[in-house]
Amino acid sequence: MKLGLETLDYGIFLAYFVIVSIYGIWIYRNKGSKTADSKDFFLAEGSLTWWAIGASIIASNISAEQFIGMSGQAFQLGLAISAYELIGAISLVVIAVYFLPMYLKNNIYTMPQFLQVRYDSRLATIMAVFWLFLYILVNLTSIIYLGGISLEKMTGFSFMSCAVFLTVFAVIITLGGMKVIGYTDVIQVICLVVGGLATTYLALDLLSDKVGSGSGIFEGLHLIKEKADSHLHMIFRPNEFFVHDGKGGQTDAYKQLPGIMMFIIGGQWIVNFNYFGCNQYITQRALGADLGTARNGLLFAAFLKLLMPFIVVLPGLAAYVLFQENADQAIVSGITDNGIVRPDNAYPVLLNILPTGLKGLAFAALTAAIVASLAGKANSVSTIYMLDIHKKFFNKNLNEKQTVRYGRVAIIVSFIIALLISPLLKNFGQGFEYIQEYTGFISPGILCIFLLGFFWKKAGTGGALAAAVLSIPLSAFFKYQFPEMPFLNRMGLVFWICVVAHVTISLIQAKGKDNPKAFALKKEWFRVERPFVLGALGVFGLFTLIYYIFW
């Protein structure tokens, strides 16, 4: 196995770069607004088709944290990490039916706007600031970091060189606005799916060659079952299975995926409902469309979501077997850093198994995933900052041209901050766990506020403020006072405490009356057409099949 990229690989990557750039310019010039329109820049003014919405959602979702972080956790924990993807697909269908009508029928364009319409401006401002910090300091930063280390492993260039390249590429795409992001994401998704499946195929084939008799990918799958039986459990028990923690020690797998309790207490559901239903950079793709188009887009995203275990989990499992069997010295030395086993190195090192040409395609796929995700998140940072902070507190009289201009400045500033902070993440061990844990400090309170705001007419501002304020200190308290508590269980516990606080305070303040800002729920909002029902049944059927095969 030869490390690094060849001339042909760079040529294929350059072709991808040129195609995406030219297509993005064409979209900007031919489908963009002829005037500097903020709705066109931030929401694409309803011009995205269902397939563009679905592809763009997955392009923003599937980034370095999946390719690098989730493959790293497949290396570390095994098949059980696919629970995030499988539950995510179910969550997307539920959100399409019950969440989207609440946004679209009430003309909601940003998540803080929902909070202002349903509660008040105080809560909207508090959460807008929280979201900005979260998106920049956790999401953008972690994607740049994980993307930088993966490209470093593949190309041999320094981490900062790779991180700067990804950031500049993402800035170019993002400055074109949501319409450019949405349509270029279709190309990005095609690249990441084709390149990702090619990597999976060749990883299993290499495993067959190095550890087995060379019979092909099905032997590779059999070898995973034979050599990594401990990595094929979907449910962990406390103190049963200890894994590399990415810092040179061992950690209990139960702390990261706490068995059946993450479903009973709700940790997995909180992660996915909050991520796909209350998250600006995900829902923003659908907020400019009509309800039918938006729902079909989320259904398509759910289908694509179910492909992810094949693309990101199986390569991590193959890398684990190759590492354990000491079957390839380049893989062993690449995953080990100064004697410390780094699970996040598994996927980028594994990419070096690809032959010349396909390695360039995989490089393009990984870059596509990273850049698409960075672009979507940065656009959402800009949207929240301009519409929910700048225009409310600094200059209420900005015209459309000025709004777009300052929005672009916000994009550049957010990227610079994230780029400067990204090298510090090396001290956090496992990238995907870092993202989930620290996002989980705020997500229980957010989901509590949104769910009760949607469906309970007595939900009041006082209760919502209590839930928002309690989420972070409660999460920090349980993290440091009960360090053995798995973070998914902690999220579930904090969520239910926030619900109790929200309900109690709202009932006291309501004095038996409904909140005048409560949404008037209409049954017709939640009705779905027969094609959507059939599509949803297909998604659930595919889920059942994948679960059966993997189990």
Protein backbone atom coordinates (compact mmCIF):
# COMPACT_ATOMS: atom_id res chain seq x y z
CA MET A 1 0.00 0.00 0.00
CA LYS A 2 1.41 3.35 -1.05
CA LEU A 3 0.58 6.36 1.09
CA GLY A 4 -0.30 9.73 -0.44
CA LEU A 5 -1.91 10.82 -3.70
CA GLU A 6 -0.62 10.38 -7.24
CA THR A 7 -0.83 12.85 -10.14
CA LEU A 8 -3.96 11.14 -11.48
CA ASP A 9 -5.63 11.47 -8.08
CA TYR A 10 -4.96 15.19 -7.98
CA GLY A 11 -6.23 15.46 -11.55
CA ILE A 12 -9.54 13.78 -10.63
CA PHE A 13 -9.87 16.01 -7.59
CA LEU A 14 -9.16 19.09 -9.71
CA ALA A 15 -11.88 17.99 -12.15
CA TYR A 16 -14.33 17.72 -9.22
CA PHE A 17 -13.28 21.16 -7.96
CA VAL A 18 -13.77 22.74 -11.39
CA ILE A 19 -17.15 21.07 -11.98
CA VAL A 20 -18.52 22.18 -8.61
CA SER A 21 -17.18 25.71 -9.06
CA ILE A 22 -18.54 26.14 -12.60
CA TYR A 23 -21.91 24.66 -11.63
CA GLY A 24 -22.09 26.93 -8.60
CA ILE A 25 -21.33 30.00 -10.76
CA TRP A 26 -23.98 28.92 -13.28
CA ILE A 27 -26.59 28.48 -10.52
CA TYR A 28 -25.69 31.88 -9.09
CA ARG A 29 -26.02 33.64 -12.43
CA ASN A 30 -29.03 31.81 -13.88
CA LYS A 31 -31.15 30.82 -10.90
CA GLY A 32 -30.24 33.50 -8.41
CA SER A 33 -32.27 36.62 -7.73
CA LYS A 34 -31.49 39.48 -10.07
CA THR A 35 -31.44 41.80 -7.08
CA ALA A 36 -29.67 41.47 -3.72
CA ASP A 37 -32.55 39.67 -1.99
CA SER A 38 -31.96 38.37 1.54
CA LYS A 39 -34.64 35.66 1.27
CA ASP A 40 -32.98 34.37 -1.88
CA PHE A 41 -29.55 34.42 -0.20
CA PHE A 42 -30.62 32.76 3.06
CA LEU A 43 -33.57 30.55 2.00
CA ALA A 44 -33.31 30.16 -1.82
CA GLU A 45 -36.87 31.60 -2.04
CA GLY A 46 -38.55 28.22 -2.40
CA SER A 47 -36.69 27.29 -5.59
CA LEU A 48 -35.14 24.06 -4.28
CA THR A 49 -36.71 20.83 -5.54
CA TRP A 50 -37.42 17.88 -3.22
CA TRP A 51 -34.34 16.02 -4.41
CA ALA A 52 -32.17 19.11 -3.91
CA ILE A 53 -33.59 19.59 -0.38
CA GLY A 54 -32.98 15.94 0.56
CA ALA A 55 -29.49 15.85 -0.95
CA SER A 56 -28.56 19.15 0.70
CA ILE A 57 -29.76 17.98 4.13
CA ILE A 58 -27.60 14.87 3.90
CA ALA A 59 -24.65 16.82 2.46
CA SER A 60 -24.77 19.10 5.50
CA ASN A 61 -25.28 16.18 7.88
CA ILE A 62 -22.71 13.76 6.45
CA SER A 63 -19.39 15.46 6.85
CA ALA A 64 -16.05 14.86 8.52
CA GLU A 65 -17.81 13.96 11.78
CA GLN A 66 -19.42 10.99 9.99
CA PHE A 67 -16.66 9.96 7.58
CA ILE A 68 -13.91 10.47 10.15
CA GLY A 69 -15.63 10.62 13.53
CA MET A 70 -18.25 7.91 13.05
CA SER A 71 -15.85 5.58 11.24
CA GLY A 72 -13.52 6.20 14.19
CA GLN A 73 -16.27 5.18 16.58
CA ALA A 74 -17.03 2.10 14.45
CA PHE A 75 -13.33 1.24 14.91
CA GLN A 76 -13.69 2.00 18.62
CA LEU A 77 -17.21 0.76 19.50
CA GLY A 78 -18.34 -1.29 16.54
CA LEU A 79 -21.67 -1.69 14.78
CA ALA A 80 -23.68 -0.09 17.60
CA ILE A 81 -22.69 3.40 16.43
CA SER A 82 -25.01 2.92 13.42
CA ALA A 83 -27.90 3.54 15.85
CA TYR A 84 -27.39 7.27 15.19
CA GLU A 85 -28.07 6.77 11.48
CA LEU A 86 -30.95 4.32 11.81
CA ILE A 87 -32.81 6.39 14.42
CA GLY A 88 -31.99 9.51 12.40
CA ALA A 89 -33.88 8.11 9.39
CA ILE A 90 -36.97 7.43 11.52
CA SER A 91 -36.72 10.89 13.06
CA LEU A 92 -36.68 12.56 9.64
CA VAL A 93 -39.99 10.91 8.73
CA VAL A 94 -41.60 11.98 12.01
CA ILE A 95 -40.27 15.53 11.61
CA ALA A 96 -41.61 15.72 8.05
CA VAL A 97 -45.11 14.90 9.31
CA TYR A 98 -45.30 16.83 12.59
CA PHE A 99 -42.57 19.50 12.74
CA LEU A 100 -42.55 20.94 9.22
CA PRO A 101 -46.23 22.06 9.20
CA MET A 102 -45.63 24.06 12.38
CA TYR A 103 -42.84 26.01 10.69
CA LEU A 104 -44.28 26.44 7.21
CA LYS A 105 -47.88 27.24 8.19
CA ASN A 106 -46.64 29.93 10.56
CA ASN A 107 -44.12 31.43 8.09
CA ILE A 108 -41.08 30.60 10.24
CA TYR A 109 -37.68 31.19 8.59
CA THR A 110 -35.27 30.84 11.52
CA MET A 111 -35.38 28.92 14.77
CA PRO A 112 -35.09 32.09 16.92
CA GLN A 113 -38.00 33.51 14.93
CA PHE A 114 -40.11 30.54 16.03
CA LEU A 115 -39.20 31.27 19.65
CA GLN A 116 -40.12 34.93 19.24
CA VAL A 117 -43.47 34.19 17.58
CA ARG A 118 -44.38 31.42 20.03
CA TYR A 119 -42.82 32.87 23.22
CA ASP A 120 -41.05 36.25 23.26
CA SER A 121 -37.97 38.18 22.09
CA ARG A 122 -35.95 37.50 25.27
CA LEU A 123 -35.93 33.76 24.69
CA ALA A 124 -35.29 34.23 20.97
CA THR A 125 -32.21 36.36 21.66
CA ILE A 126 -30.81 34.03 24.33
CA MET A 127 -31.12 31.01 22.08
CA ALA A 128 -29.81 32.88 19.02
CA VAL A 129 -26.60 33.61 20.94
CA PHE A 130 -26.41 29.99 22.16
CA TRP A 131 -26.83 28.69 18.62
CA LEU A 132 -24.14 30.99 17.25
CA PHE A 133 -21.64 29.78 19.85
CA LEU A 134 -22.64 26.16 19.27
CA TYR A 135 -22.44 26.29 15.47
CA ILE A 136 -19.09 28.11 15.43
CA LEU A 137 -17.25 26.65 18.44
CA VAL A 138 -18.49 23.06 18.15
CA ASN A 139 -19.80 22.36 14.65
CA LEU A 140 -17.66 24.46 12.30
CA THR A 141 -14.56 23.98 14.45
CA SER A 142 -14.89 20.19 14.69
CA ILE A 143 -15.54 19.74 10.97
CA ILE A 144 -12.50 21.83 10.04
CA TYR A 145 -10.40 19.86 12.55
CA LEU A 146 -11.54 16.40 11.45
CA GLY A 147 -11.37 17.38 7.79
CA GLY A 148 -7.88 18.80 8.26
CA ILE A 149 -6.48 15.67 9.89
CA SER A 150 -8.05 13.43 7.23
CA LEU A 151 -6.57 15.43 4.35
CA GLU A 152 -3.25 15.57 6.21
CA LYS A 153 -3.18 11.78 6.38
CA MET A 154 -4.08 11.44 2.70
CA THR A 155 -1.88 14.10 1.14
CA GLY A 156 1.04 14.58 3.52
CA PHE A 157 0.49 18.33 3.68
CA SER A 158 0.43 19.98 7.11
CA PHE A 159 -2.78 20.12 9.13
CA MET A 160 -3.09 23.91 8.87
CA SER A 161 -2.54 23.85 5.09
CA CYS A 162 -5.36 21.34 4.70
CA ALA A 163 -7.62 23.20 7.12
CA VAL A 164 -7.05 26.52 5.32
CA PHE A 165 -7.78 24.89 1.94
CA LEU A 166 -11.08 23.43 3.18
CA THR A 167 -12.07 26.73 4.77
CA VAL A 168 -11.36 28.80 1.64
CA PHE A 169 -13.20 26.30 -0.60
CA ALA A 170 -16.20 26.39 1.74
CA VAL A 171 -16.18 30.19 1.86
CA ILE A 172 -16.36 30.34 -1.96
CA ILE A 173 -19.43 28.06 -2.01
CA THR A 174 -21.13 29.73 0.97
CA LEU A 175 -20.88 33.28 -0.34
CA GLY A 176 -23.15 32.29 -3.24
CA GLY A 177 -26.10 31.81 -0.90
CA MET A 178 -28.47 28.94 -0.11
CA LYS A 179 -29.49 28.33 -3.71
CA VAL A 180 -25.88 27.69 -4.76
CA ILE A 181 -25.33 25.55 -1.66
CA GLY A 182 -28.49 23.51 -2.26
CA TYR A 183 -27.85 22.66 -5.90
CA THR A 184 -24.10 22.10 -5.62
CA ASP A 185 -24.87 19.76 -2.72
CA VAL A 186 -26.45 17.38 -5.24
CA ILE A 187 -23.03 16.93 -6.86
CA GLN A 188 -21.44 16.68 -3.42
CA VAL A 189 -23.82 13.89 -2.37
CA ILE A 190 -23.20 11.93 -5.58
CA CYS A 191 -19.45 12.18 -4.94
CA LEU A 192 -19.66 11.17 -1.29
CA VAL A 193 -22.00 8.20 -1.94
CA VAL A 194 -20.03 6.83 -4.92
CA GLY A 195 -16.65 7.47 -3.33
CA GLY A 196 -17.83 6.19 0.05
CA LEU A 197 -19.22 2.93 -1.34
CA ALA A 198 -16.05 2.41 -3.37
CA THR A 199 -13.99 2.79 -0.19
CA THR A 200 -16.21 0.28 1.63
CA TYR A 201 -15.93 -2.24 -1.21
CA LEU A 202 -12.15 -2.02 -1.39
CA ALA A 203 -11.73 -2.02 2.40
CA LEU A 204 -13.61 -5.32 2.62
CA ASP A 205 -11.67 -6.67 -0.35
CA LEU A 206 -8.35 -5.70 1.28
CA LEU A 207 -9.45 -7.38 4.49
CA SER A 208 -10.13 -10.55 2.52
CA ASP A 209 -6.67 -10.36 0.90
CA LYS A 210 -4.71 -9.56 4.07
CA VAL A 211 -6.51 -11.71 6.64
CA GLY A 212 -8.42 -14.29 4.57
CA SER A 213 -7.95 -16.20 1.34
CA GLY A 214 -8.65 -13.31 -1.03
CA SER A 215 -12.15 -14.44 -1.99
CA GLY A 216 -13.67 -10.95 -2.02
CA ILE A 217 -15.96 -8.67 -0.07
CA PHE A 218 -18.28 -11.36 1.30
CA GLU A 219 -15.30 -13.07 2.88
CA GLY A 220 -14.38 -9.65 4.27
CA LEU A 221 -17.82 -9.39 5.89
CA HIS A 222 -17.43 -12.90 7.28
CA LEU A 223 -14.01 -12.01 8.70
CA ILE A 224 -15.50 -9.02 10.53
CA LYS A 225 -18.03 -11.35 12.11
CA GLU A 226 -15.34 -13.88 12.97
CA LYS A 227 -12.52 -11.59 14.12
CA ALA A 228 -14.52 -8.71 15.64
CA ASP A 229 -17.47 -10.39 17.34
CA SER A 230 -17.21 -7.92 20.25
CA HIS A 231 -17.79 -5.10 17.74
CA LEU A 232 -21.06 -6.49 16.42
CA HIS A 233 -23.22 -5.89 19.51
CA MET A 234 -25.94 -3.25 19.26
CA ILE A 235 -26.60 -3.13 23.01
CA PHE A 236 -23.84 -2.62 25.62
CA ARG A 237 -23.96 -3.32 29.34
CA PRO A 238 -21.95 -1.48 32.00
CA ASN A 239 -18.33 -2.65 32.46
CA GLU A 240 -18.70 -5.29 29.75
CA PHE A 241 -16.69 -3.84 26.87
CA PHE A 242 -13.69 -1.50 27.17
CA VAL A 243 -12.32 0.36 24.14
CA HIS A 244 -9.56 2.80 23.16
CA ASP A 245 -10.45 6.33 24.26
CA GLY A 246 -8.19 8.13 21.76
CA LYS A 247 -6.06 9.54 24.59
CA GLY A 248 -3.92 6.51 25.34
CA GLY A 249 -6.28 4.81 27.80
CA GLN A 250 -9.43 2.69 27.88
CA THR A 251 -13.06 3.65 28.41
CA ASP A 252 -16.27 1.72 28.98
CA ALA A 253 -18.26 1.49 25.72
CA TYR A 254 -21.45 1.79 27.77
CA LYS A 255 -20.56 5.40 28.58
CA GLN A 256 -20.87 6.32 24.91
CA LEU A 257 -23.76 4.06 23.91
CA PRO A 258 -25.65 3.11 27.09
CA GLY A 259 -27.60 0.15 25.77
CA ILE A 260 -31.38 0.15 25.83
CA MET A 261 -31.42 3.08 28.27
CA MET A 262 -30.51 5.57 25.53
CA PHE A 263 -33.89 4.76 23.95
CA ILE A 264 -35.94 4.49 27.16
CA ILE A 265 -34.68 7.73 28.73
CA GLY A 266 -34.63 9.29 25.30
CA GLY A 267 -31.02 10.28 24.64
CA GLN A 268 -30.96 8.98 21.06
CA TRP A 269 -34.34 10.54 20.26
CA ILE A 270 -33.28 13.87 21.74
CA VAL A 271 -30.12 13.90 19.62
CA ASN A 272 -31.99 13.22 16.37
CA PHE A 273 -35.19 15.21 16.92
CA ASN A 274 -33.17 18.22 18.00
CA TYR A 275 -30.61 17.86 15.20
CA PHE A 276 -33.07 17.38 12.33
CA GLY A 277 -36.11 19.23 13.68
CA CYS A 278 -34.83 22.21 15.70
CA ASN A 279 -31.58 22.92 13.91
CA GLN A 280 -31.27 25.94 11.62
CA TYR A 281 -28.70 24.50 9.23
CA ILE A 282 -30.85 21.40 8.62
CA THR A 283 -34.38 22.81 8.54
CA GLN A 284 -33.28 25.89 6.57
CA ARG A 285 -33.26 23.84 3.35
CA ALA A 286 -36.98 23.11 3.71
CA LEU A 287 -38.25 26.40 5.15
CA GLY A 288 -38.43 28.16 1.78
CA ALA A 289 -40.42 25.35 0.08
CA ASP A 290 -44.09 24.35 0.09
CA LEU A 291 -45.13 21.62 2.52
CA GLY A 292 -45.36 18.78 -0.03
CA THR A 293 -41.94 19.51 -1.53
CA ALA A 294 -40.35 19.91 1.91
CA ARG A 295 -41.82 16.63 3.16
CA ASN A 296 -40.64 14.71 0.12
CA GLY A 297 -37.20 16.24 0.57
CA LEU A 298 -36.99 14.97 4.15
CA LEU A 299 -38.21 11.54 3.04
CA PHE A 300 -35.45 11.40 0.42
CA ALA A 301 -32.97 12.46 3.11
CA ALA A 302 -34.21 9.60 5.32
CA PHE A 303 -33.53 7.13 2.50
CA LEU A 304 -30.01 8.50 1.99
CA LYS A 305 -29.46 8.38 5.75
CA LEU A 306 -29.99 4.62 5.72
CA LEU A 307 -27.07 4.22 3.30
CA MET A 308 -24.63 5.74 5.78
CA PRO A 309 -23.89 2.60 7.84
CA PHE A 310 -22.59 0.99 4.64
CA ILE A 311 -20.47 4.05 3.81
CA VAL A 312 -19.03 5.04 7.20
CA VAL A 313 -19.47 2.13 9.63
CA LEU A 314 -18.22 -0.85 7.61
CA PRO A 315 -14.87 0.80 6.74
CA GLY A 316 -14.27 1.46 10.45
CA LEU A 317 -14.96 -2.19 11.26
CA ALA A 318 -12.63 -3.36 8.47
CA ALA A 319 -9.90 -1.05 9.77
CA TYR A 320 -10.36 -2.47 13.28
CA VAL A 321 -9.82 -6.06 12.09
CA LEU A 322 -6.78 -5.08 10.00
CA PHE A 323 -5.37 -3.26 13.03
CA GLN A 324 -6.07 -6.07 15.50
CA GLU A 325 -4.64 -8.71 13.18
CA ASN A 326 -1.59 -6.51 12.43
CA ALA A 327 -2.36 -7.29 8.79
CA ASP A 328 -0.99 -4.09 7.26
CA GLN A 329 1.86 -2.18 8.85
CA ALA A 330 0.95 1.11 7.15
CA ILE A 331 -2.54 0.97 8.69
CA VAL A 332 -1.20 0.03 12.11
CA SER A 333 1.37 2.82 12.14
CA GLY A 334 -1.11 5.33 10.71
CA ILE A 335 -3.72 4.66 13.39
CA THR A 336 -1.13 4.73 16.18
CA ASP A 337 0.24 8.17 17.06
CA ASN A 338 3.23 8.13 19.47
CA GLY A 339 1.98 4.89 20.99
CA ILE A 340 -1.60 6.19 21.34
CA VAL A 341 -4.35 4.50 19.33
CA ARG A 342 -6.28 7.25 17.53
CA PRO A 343 -9.61 5.87 16.24
CA ASP A 344 -10.19 9.06 14.22
CA ASN A 345 -7.17 8.15 12.07
CA ALA A 346 -8.82 4.92 10.87
CA TYR A 347 -10.75 6.25 7.88
CA PRO A 348 -8.14 8.62 6.39
CA VAL A 349 -5.46 5.93 6.70
CA LEU A 350 -7.83 3.38 5.18
CA LEU A 351 -8.36 5.63 2.16
CA ASN A 352 -4.77 4.91 1.19
CA ILE A 353 -5.77 1.35 0.26
CA LEU A 354 -7.51 2.67 -2.82
CA PRO A 355 -5.79 2.32 -6.18
CA THR A 356 -4.65 5.41 -8.06
CA GLY A 357 -7.66 7.19 -9.54
CA LEU A 358 -10.20 5.83 -7.06
CA LYS A 359 -8.12 7.41 -4.32
CA GLY A 360 -8.69 10.76 -6.04
CA LEU A 361 -12.44 10.05 -6.19
CA ALA A 362 -12.47 9.21 -2.47
CA PHE A 363 -10.48 12.38 -1.78
CA ALA A 364 -13.10 14.34 -3.73
CA ALA A 365 -15.92 12.57 -1.86
CA LEU A 366 -14.47 13.39 1.53
CA THR A 367 -13.79 16.99 0.53
CA ALA A 368 -17.33 17.28 -0.86
CA ALA A 369 -18.81 16.09 2.42
CA ILE A 370 -16.68 18.48 4.46
CA VAL A 371 -17.21 21.54 2.26
CA ALA A 372 -20.96 20.99 1.89
CA SER A 373 -21.39 20.69 5.62
CA LEU A 374 -19.24 23.74 6.35
CA ALA A 375 -21.18 25.79 3.79
CA GLY A 376 -24.56 24.86 5.22
CA LYS A 377 -23.57 25.59 8.80
CA ALA A 378 -21.89 28.89 7.96
CA ASN A 379 -24.93 30.03 5.99
CA SER A 380 -27.10 29.28 9.04
CA VAL A 381 -24.72 31.20 11.31
CA SER A 382 -25.06 34.16 8.96
CA THR A 383 -28.86 33.80 8.79
CA ILE A 384 -29.33 33.77 12.56
CA TYR A 385 -26.86 36.59 13.12
CA MET A 386 -28.34 38.91 10.51
CA LEU A 387 -32.06 38.24 10.96
CA ASP A 388 -32.19 37.61 14.70
CA ILE A 389 -29.38 39.76 16.12
CA HIS A 390 -27.90 42.38 13.78
CA LYS A 391 -31.18 43.67 12.32
CA LYS A 392 -32.84 43.67 15.75
CA PHE A 393 -30.13 45.34 17.84
CA PHE A 394 -27.62 47.10 15.59
CA ASN A 395 -29.39 48.40 12.50
CA LYS A 396 -33.09 47.81 11.91
CA ASN A 397 -33.08 49.78 8.67
CA LEU A 398 -30.70 47.70 6.58
CA ASN A 399 -31.84 47.34 2.98
CA GLU A 400 -31.69 44.01 1.15
CA LYS A 401 -28.29 44.69 -0.42
CA GLN A 402 -26.75 45.64 2.93
CA THR A 403 -28.27 42.59 4.63
CA VAL A 404 -26.68 40.25 2.10
CA ARG A 405 -23.34 42.11 2.29
CA TYR A 406 -23.15 41.92 6.08
CA GLY A 407 -24.32 38.33 5.92
CA ARG A 408 -21.29 37.49 3.80
CA VAL A 409 -19.04 39.30 6.28
CA ALA A 410 -20.54 37.17 9.09
CA ILE A 411 -19.73 34.03 7.09
CA ILE A 412 -16.08 35.00 6.70
CA VAL A 413 -15.71 35.98 10.38
CA SER A 414 -17.26 32.70 11.60
CA PHE A 415 -14.88 30.69 9.41
CA ILE A 416 -11.84 32.60 10.67
CA ILE A 417 -12.82 31.96 14.32
CA ALA A 418 -13.43 28.25 13.72
CA LEU A 419 -10.18 27.84 11.76
CA LEU A 420 -8.12 29.42 14.56
CA ILE A 421 -9.71 27.24 17.26
CA SER A 422 -9.75 23.94 15.33
CA PRO A 423 -6.18 22.75 16.24
CA LEU A 424 -7.16 22.76 19.94
CA LEU A 425 -9.56 19.85 19.40
CA LYS A 426 -6.64 17.41 19.30
CA ASN A 427 -6.88 17.30 23.11
CA PHE A 428 -10.45 15.97 23.11
CA GLY A 429 -9.70 12.39 21.99
CA GLN A 430 -12.61 11.22 19.82
CA GLY A 431 -14.17 13.77 17.48
CA PHE A 432 -17.69 12.37 17.06
CA GLU A 433 -18.08 11.94 20.81
CA TYR A 434 -16.91 15.54 21.34
CA ILE A 435 -19.59 16.86 18.96
CA GLN A 436 -22.40 14.79 20.47
CA GLU A 437 -21.48 15.46 24.08
CA TYR A 438 -21.07 19.22 23.89
CA THR A 439 -24.04 19.70 21.58
CA GLY A 440 -25.92 17.71 24.22
CA PHE A 441 -25.38 20.46 26.79
CA ILE A 442 -27.99 22.60 25.07
CA SER A 443 -30.15 20.20 23.01
CA PRO A 444 -32.36 18.87 25.88
CA GLY A 445 -33.60 22.35 26.73
CA ILE A 446 -34.09 23.27 23.07
CA LEU A 447 -36.14 20.18 22.26
CA CYS A 448 -38.25 20.67 25.40
CA ILE A 449 -39.05 24.27 24.39
CA PHE A 450 -39.93 23.33 20.80
CA LEU A 451 -42.06 20.25 21.54
CA LEU A 452 -44.15 21.95 24.21
CA GLY A 453 -44.34 25.09 22.07
CA PHE A 454 -45.68 23.06 19.15
CA PHE A 455 -48.25 20.91 20.85
CA TRP A 456 -49.19 22.36 24.27
CA LYS A 457 -51.23 25.55 24.27
CA LYS A 458 -50.41 26.45 27.87
CA ALA A 459 -46.63 26.46 27.29
CA GLY A 460 -45.51 29.88 28.48
CA THR A 461 -42.46 32.08 28.24
CA GLY A 462 -41.46 31.65 31.88
CA GLY A 463 -41.33 27.87 31.56
CA ALA A 464 -39.43 28.08 28.28
CA LEU A 465 -36.87 30.45 29.79
CA ALA A 466 -36.42 28.08 32.73
CA ALA A 467 -35.80 25.15 30.35
CA ALA A 468 -33.31 27.20 28.31
CA VAL A 469 -31.40 28.42 31.35
CA LEU A 470 -31.39 25.05 33.15
CA SER A 471 -30.09 22.92 30.27
CA ILE A 472 -26.39 23.91 30.35
CA PRO A 473 -25.82 24.10 34.16
CA LEU A 474 -27.73 20.85 34.73
CA SER A 475 -25.68 19.12 32.02
CA ALA A 476 -22.45 20.45 33.52
CA PHE A 477 -23.54 19.43 37.04
CA PHE A 478 -24.29 15.83 36.06
CA LYS A 479 -21.14 15.61 33.91
CA TYR A 480 -18.78 16.60 36.72
CA GLN A 481 -20.66 15.29 39.76
CA PHE A 482 -21.58 11.96 38.13
CA PRO A 483 -18.77 11.38 35.62
CA GLU A 484 -19.70 7.72 35.19
CA MET A 485 -23.15 8.64 33.82
CA PRO A 486 -23.22 8.14 30.00
CA PHE A 487 -23.76 11.44 28.23
CA LEU A 488 -26.80 10.12 26.31
CA ASN A 489 -28.48 9.20 29.61
CA ARG A 490 -27.49 12.58 30.98
CA MET A 491 -29.20 14.25 28.04
CA GLY A 492 -32.36 12.26 28.69
CA LEU A 493 -32.37 13.10 32.39
CA VAL A 494 -31.79 16.82 31.76
CA PHE A 495 -34.55 16.80 29.12
CA TRP A 496 -37.16 15.41 31.53
CA ILE A 497 -36.11 17.83 34.28
CA CYS A 498 -36.52 20.69 31.79
CA VAL A 499 -39.95 19.37 30.81
CA VAL A 500 -41.07 19.25 34.46
CA ALA A 501 -39.77 22.79 35.05
CA HIS A 502 -41.37 24.10 31.86
CA VAL A 503 -44.75 22.51 32.60
CA THR A 504 -44.79 23.55 36.28
CA ILE A 505 -43.91 27.19 35.67
CA SER A 506 -46.23 27.43 32.66
CA LEU A 507 -49.18 26.08 34.64
CA ILE A 508 -48.54 28.53 37.47
CA GLN A 509 -48.33 31.46 35.08
CA ALA A 510 -51.20 30.37 32.82
CA LYS A 511 -53.72 30.11 35.68
CA GLY A 512 -55.79 27.70 33.65
CA LYS A 513 -55.72 29.75 30.42
CA ASP A 514 -54.07 28.97 27.10
CA ASN A 515 -51.08 31.08 26.05
CA PRO A 516 -52.35 33.71 23.56
CA LYS A 517 -49.29 33.00 21.40
CA ALA A 518 -50.10 29.27 21.12
CA PHE A 519 -50.37 27.97 17.57
CA ALA A 520 -53.83 27.01 16.36
CA LEU A 521 -53.32 23.38 15.40
CA LYS A 522 -55.30 22.17 12.37
CA LYS A 523 -55.74 18.52 11.48
CA GLU A 524 -55.21 19.14 7.78
CA TRP A 525 -51.65 20.30 8.49
CA PHE A 526 -50.64 16.79 9.50
CA ARG A 527 -52.35 14.87 6.73
CA VAL A 528 -49.99 13.23 4.25
CA GLU A 529 -50.54 12.09 0.69
CA ARG A 530 -50.48 8.43 -0.30
CA PRO A 531 -47.09 8.63 -2.13
CA PHE A 532 -45.50 9.98 1.05
CA VAL A 533 -47.05 7.15 3.10
CA LEU A 534 -45.72 4.57 0.65
CA GLY A 535 -42.30 6.22 0.68
CA ALA A 536 -42.27 6.26 4.48
CA LEU A 537 -43.20 2.57 4.57
CA GLY A 538 -40.31 1.94 2.17
CA VAL A 539 -37.91 3.77 4.48
CA PHE A 540 -39.11 1.77 7.50
CA GLY A 541 -38.86 -1.46 5.47
CA LEU A 542 -35.28 -0.63 4.49
CA PHE A 543 -34.55 0.20 8.12
CA THR A 544 -35.86 -3.21 9.20
CA LEU A 545 -33.82 -4.98 6.52
CA ILE A 546 -30.59 -3.17 7.44
CA TYR A 547 -31.18 -3.79 11.13
CA TYR A 548 -31.77 -7.50 10.46
CA ILE A 549 -28.66 -7.83 8.26
CA PHE A 550 -26.43 -5.97 10.70
CA TRP A 551 -27.77 -7.67 13.80
